[in-house]
Amino acid sequence: MLRISNTKDNNGLDGLKVRDTTLIDAYSQTVSSVVQSAGEAVVQVSVENRKKGQNGIGSGFIISSDGFVVTNHHVIRQSRETQIILQDGRKFKGKIVGMDAATDLAVLQIFGENLSKLSLADSNDLLVGQIAIAVGNPLGFQSTVTAGVVSALGRTLRSESGRRIDNVIQTDAALNPGNSGGPLLNSAGEVNWCKHRPHSWRAWALLCGGIESCQIRDWEIDY
C-alpha cells in the first residue's frame, strides 16, 4: 500500500499562511498609517452651482499652510459658491485661484489657522505595482479610504475640453462619484497624483507630484 504523508505539505501551507498574514498586516498598517497622517489635509468640496438644484460634492486636498486647495476643474466649473469642509468640521468659503479645463485641475484658497497640508512627491519615481491609497468623499461619505496599486504609467486621456492629457497614471483603487479631486497617496503619505474619474467609471489619475505637469506653478502659487 502506498502511503502519502501530508506532514511536509501541511508545514508548507502553515508557513505560507504565516507569510501571508505578515504581509496583510504590513499592508494594513501602511494604509492606516497614511490615513492617520494625511487624512486631516483631505477636504470635502461642496459646490452650489449656478443652476438651481444642481449642487455637487467632490474632494480636494490642502497643499500649503496658507490654505491652497487642489481639486478637479470639473468639480467646481459651474460653481456659484464653493464651501470647503475640513475633517474637524470647520467650514470655509473657497476662493478660486486658478482653473485649467485642459488638465481638469483647479486651485482654491481658504483662510484659516492650523491647517494640515500634504507634501507633493516626485511622480517620476512612480513604479507600476506601487501602492496607491485614495482618500476622499465618494457618494457624499466623508473620509472614505480605498487602496490599490499603480496599474500602468504613461496613459493618455481626453479632458472635458477635448484636449489630450499625456502621462496619465492608471490605478485600480476604487473611485466613485465624489472622489474626484482628492489625492492618491504613496506609502509615505505624499501626493503623487490627483484623482480623476471619467464617465467610463475606470479609475485614472492625473499626475500631480510633478508640479509642472499639473501646471500649478504656472499660476505662480507660492507654497
Protein backbone atom coordinates (compact mmCIF):
# COMPACT_ATOMS: atom_id res chain seq x y z
CA MET A 1 0.00 0.00 0.00
CA LEU A 2 1.30 3.41 -0.94
CA ARG A 3 1.12 5.94 1.87
CA ILE A 4 1.39 9.64 1.21
CA SER A 5 2.45 11.83 4.09
CA ASN A 6 0.89 15.30 4.28
CA THR A 7 3.19 16.48 7.07
CA LYS A 8 5.56 18.35 4.80
CA ASP A 9 2.74 19.85 2.76
CA ASN A 10 0.90 20.98 5.88
CA ASN A 11 4.03 22.59 7.24
CA GLY A 12 4.48 24.34 3.92
CA LEU A 13 0.90 25.61 3.97
CA ASP A 14 1.27 26.77 7.55
CA GLY A 15 4.40 28.67 6.60
CA LEU A 16 2.60 30.21 3.64
CA LYS A 17 -0.28 31.30 5.87
CA VAL A 18 2.15 32.92 8.29
CA ARG A 19 3.85 34.81 5.46
CA ASP A 20 0.51 35.91 4.01
CA THR A 21 -0.68 37.09 7.42
CA THR A 22 2.53 39.06 7.91
CA LEU A 23 2.15 40.70 4.51
CA ILE A 24 -1.50 41.56 5.09
CA ASP A 25 -0.70 43.06 8.49
CA ALA A 26 2.11 45.16 6.98
CA TYR A 27 -0.20 46.34 4.17
CA SER A 28 -2.97 47.26 6.63
CA GLN A 29 -0.55 49.07 8.88
CA THR A 30 0.79 51.08 5.93
CA VAL A 31 -2.68 52.14 4.80
CA SER A 32 -3.78 53.00 8.34
CA SER A 33 -0.60 54.99 9.00
CA VAL A 34 -1.02 57.01 5.79
CA VAL A 35 -4.66 57.80 6.53
CA GLN A 36 -3.84 58.92 10.07
CA SER A 37 -1.01 61.19 8.92
CA ALA A 38 -2.63 62.61 5.79
CA GLY A 39 -6.37 62.43 6.42
CA GLU A 40 -6.76 65.85 8.05
CA ALA A 41 -5.49 67.58 4.91
CA VAL A 42 -8.15 65.96 2.72
CA VAL A 43 -11.25 68.12 2.37
CA GLN A 44 -14.77 67.93 1.09
CA VAL A 45 -15.62 70.38 -1.69
CA SER A 46 -19.30 71.33 -1.55
CA VAL A 47 -20.45 73.24 -4.61
CA GLU A 48 -23.51 75.40 -5.11
CA ASN A 49 -23.85 75.58 -8.88
CA ARG A 50 -25.22 78.44 -10.93
CA LYS A 51 -28.18 76.29 -11.98
CA LYS A 52 -30.58 75.85 -9.09
CA GLY A 53 -30.94 72.29 -7.86
CA GLN A 54 -27.66 71.09 -9.37
CA ASN A 55 -25.33 71.23 -6.39
CA GLY A 56 -22.49 68.76 -6.05
CA ILE A 57 -19.83 67.29 -3.78
CA GLY A 58 -16.23 66.48 -4.57
CA SER A 59 -12.90 66.11 -2.82
CA GLY A 60 -9.70 68.11 -2.56
CA PHE A 61 -6.51 68.40 -0.54
CA ILE A 62 -4.57 71.20 1.12
CA ILE A 63 -1.02 71.72 -0.17
CA SER A 64 0.09 74.70 1.93
CA SER A 65 -0.33 76.06 5.43
CA ASP A 66 -1.82 79.25 3.97
CA GLY A 67 -4.77 77.33 2.60
CA PHE A 68 -4.24 76.44 -1.06
CA VAL A 69 -6.51 73.54 -2.02
CA VAL A 70 -6.20 71.37 -5.15
CA THR A 71 -9.26 69.75 -6.74
CA ASN A 72 -10.57 68.89 -10.23
CA HIS A 73 -11.79 71.59 -12.59
CA HIS A 74 -14.99 69.66 -13.34
CA VAL A 75 -15.89 69.67 -9.63
CA ILE A 76 -16.15 73.48 -9.47
CA ARG A 77 -16.51 74.59 -13.10
CA GLN A 78 -20.14 75.75 -12.70
CA SER A 79 -19.90 76.86 -9.11
CA ARG A 80 -21.63 79.97 -7.83
CA GLU A 81 -20.23 79.39 -4.37
CA THR A 82 -17.82 76.76 -3.05
CA GLN A 83 -17.52 75.59 0.53
CA ILE A 84 -14.51 73.66 1.83
CA ILE A 85 -15.24 71.34 4.75
CA LEU A 86 -12.34 70.04 6.83
CA GLN A 87 -12.19 66.72 8.65
CA ASP A 88 -12.56 68.51 12.01
CA GLY A 89 -15.85 70.03 10.86
CA ARG A 90 -14.62 73.54 10.13
CA LYS A 91 -16.13 75.17 7.06
CA PHE A 92 -14.60 77.84 4.84
CA LYS A 93 -15.62 79.68 1.71
CA GLY A 94 -13.32 78.63 -1.11
CA LYS A 95 -11.81 81.38 -3.27
CA ILE A 96 -10.96 80.19 -6.78
CA VAL A 97 -7.32 80.98 -7.57
CA GLY A 98 -6.94 79.20 -10.88
CA MET A 99 -8.67 76.67 -13.14
CA ASP A 100 -7.46 74.71 -16.15
CA ALA A 101 -10.06 72.75 -18.10
CA ALA A 102 -7.37 71.24 -20.33
CA THR A 103 -5.80 69.36 -17.40
CA ASP A 104 -9.01 69.20 -15.31
CA LEU A 105 -7.29 70.86 -12.37
CA ALA A 106 -8.23 73.77 -10.15
CA VAL A 107 -6.79 75.53 -7.11
CA LEU A 108 -8.79 77.32 -4.44
CA GLN A 109 -7.75 79.10 -1.26
CA ILE A 110 -9.25 79.10 2.20
CA PHE A 111 -8.28 81.33 5.10
CA GLY A 112 -7.91 79.59 8.45
CA GLU A 113 -5.45 78.67 11.17
CA ASN A 114 -3.69 75.40 11.98
CA LEU A 115 -4.30 73.88 8.56
CA SER A 116 -2.81 70.47 7.84
CA LYS A 117 -1.14 70.04 4.45
CA LEU A 118 0.12 67.28 2.21
CA SER A 119 3.56 67.07 0.65
CA LEU A 120 3.94 66.52 -3.09
CA ALA A 121 6.15 63.64 -4.13
CA ASP A 122 8.13 63.29 -7.36
CA SER A 123 5.90 61.47 -9.87
CA ASN A 124 8.98 60.46 -11.85
CA ASP A 125 9.74 57.95 -9.09
CA LEU A 126 6.47 56.06 -9.54
CA LEU A 127 6.60 52.36 -10.36
CA VAL A 128 3.91 50.05 -11.69
CA GLY A 129 2.67 47.95 -8.78
CA GLN A 130 3.35 50.67 -6.21
CA ILE A 131 0.68 51.08 -3.54
CA ALA A 132 -1.99 53.73 -4.21
CA ILE A 133 -4.18 54.97 -1.36
CA ALA A 134 -7.26 57.05 -2.18
CA VAL A 135 -8.85 59.31 0.43
CA GLY A 136 -11.95 61.32 -0.39
CA ASN A 137 -15.70 61.72 -0.14
CA PRO A 138 -17.34 59.24 -2.54
CA LEU A 139 -21.14 59.46 -2.72
CA GLY A 140 -21.00 62.17 -0.05
CA PHE A 141 -19.48 59.90 2.62
CA GLN A 142 -16.66 61.88 4.20
CA SER A 143 -13.22 60.43 4.92
CA THR A 144 -13.57 57.24 2.88
CA VAL A 145 -10.45 55.21 2.09
CA THR A 146 -9.74 52.74 -0.72
CA ALA A 147 -6.43 51.26 -1.77
CA GLY A 148 -4.89 49.54 -4.75
CA VAL A 149 -1.81 49.77 -6.93
CA VAL A 150 -0.47 51.77 -9.84
CA SER A 151 -1.74 49.69 -12.76
CA ALA A 152 0.06 51.50 -15.57
CA LEU A 153 2.01 54.64 -16.42
CA GLY A 154 2.12 56.89 -19.47
CA ARG A 155 -1.55 56.60 -20.45
CA THR A 156 -3.43 59.31 -22.35
CA LEU A 157 -6.88 60.67 -21.54
CA ARG A 158 -9.20 63.27 -23.04
CA SER A 159 -10.19 66.15 -20.80
CA GLU A 160 -13.71 67.55 -20.87
CA SER A 161 -12.44 70.28 -23.19
CA GLY A 162 -11.33 67.60 -25.64
CA ARG A 163 -7.63 68.18 -25.14
CA ARG A 164 -5.43 65.13 -24.77
CA ILE A 165 -3.72 64.76 -21.39
CA ASP A 166 -0.47 62.81 -21.52
CA ASN A 167 1.42 60.94 -18.79
CA VAL A 168 -1.74 59.83 -17.02
CA ILE A 169 -1.48 57.16 -14.33
CA GLN A 170 -3.92 54.27 -14.23
CA THR A 171 -4.84 52.75 -10.86
CA ASP A 172 -7.20 50.01 -9.69
CA ALA A 173 -8.07 51.83 -6.44
CA ALA A 174 -11.86 52.10 -6.37
CA LEU A 175 -13.11 55.59 -7.26
CA ASN A 176 -16.74 56.71 -7.19
CA PRO A 177 -18.65 59.96 -7.71
CA GLY A 178 -17.39 62.38 -5.08
CA ASN A 179 -13.81 61.04 -5.15
CA SER A 180 -12.87 63.44 -7.92
CA GLY A 181 -10.25 65.97 -6.85
CA GLY A 182 -8.96 64.03 -3.88
CA PRO A 183 -5.40 62.75 -3.51
CA LEU A 184 -3.95 59.38 -4.30
CA LEU A 185 -1.12 58.84 -1.87
CA ASN A 186 2.02 56.75 -1.77
CA SER A 187 3.12 54.69 1.23
CA ALA A 188 4.84 57.75 2.72
CA GLY A 189 1.59 59.74 2.72
CA GLU A 190 2.77 62.01 -0.11
CA VAL A 191 0.61 63.08 -3.03
CA ASN A 192 1.74 61.63 -6.32
CA TRP A 193 -1.36 62.46 -8.29
CA CYS A 194 -4.87 63.89 -8.25
CA LYS A 195 -7.83 61.58 -8.78
CA HIS A 196 -9.99 61.90 -11.86
CA ARG A 197 -13.00 59.67 -12.51
CA PRO A 198 -14.16 59.89 -16.14
CA HIS A 199 -17.66 58.86 -17.18
CA SER A 200 -16.43 55.40 -18.18
CA TRP A 201 -16.01 54.59 -14.45
CA ARG A 202 -12.45 53.42 -14.97
CA ALA A 203 -10.04 54.72 -12.39
CA TRP A 204 -7.42 57.14 -13.66
CA ALA A 205 -5.24 59.71 -12.01
CA LEU A 206 -3.68 62.90 -13.32
CA LEU A 207 -0.02 63.44 -12.47
CA CYS A 208 0.21 65.82 -9.57
CA GLY A 209 3.61 65.21 -8.00
CA GLY A 210 5.46 66.62 -11.00
CA ILE A 211 4.23 70.17 -10.44
CA GLU A 212 4.95 71.32 -13.97
CA SER A 213 2.73 68.59 -15.41
CA CYS A 214 -0.07 69.88 -13.20
CA GLN A 215 0.57 73.46 -14.31
CA ILE A 216 0.09 74.57 -10.70
CA ARG A 217 3.32 76.52 -10.82
CA ASP A 218 2.12 78.26 -13.94
CA TRP A 219 -0.39 80.01 -11.67
CA GLU A 220 2.52 81.24 -9.51
CA ILE A 221 1.23 79.71 -6.30
CA ASP A 222 3.91 80.01 -3.65
CA TYR A 223 3.68 77.32 -1.03
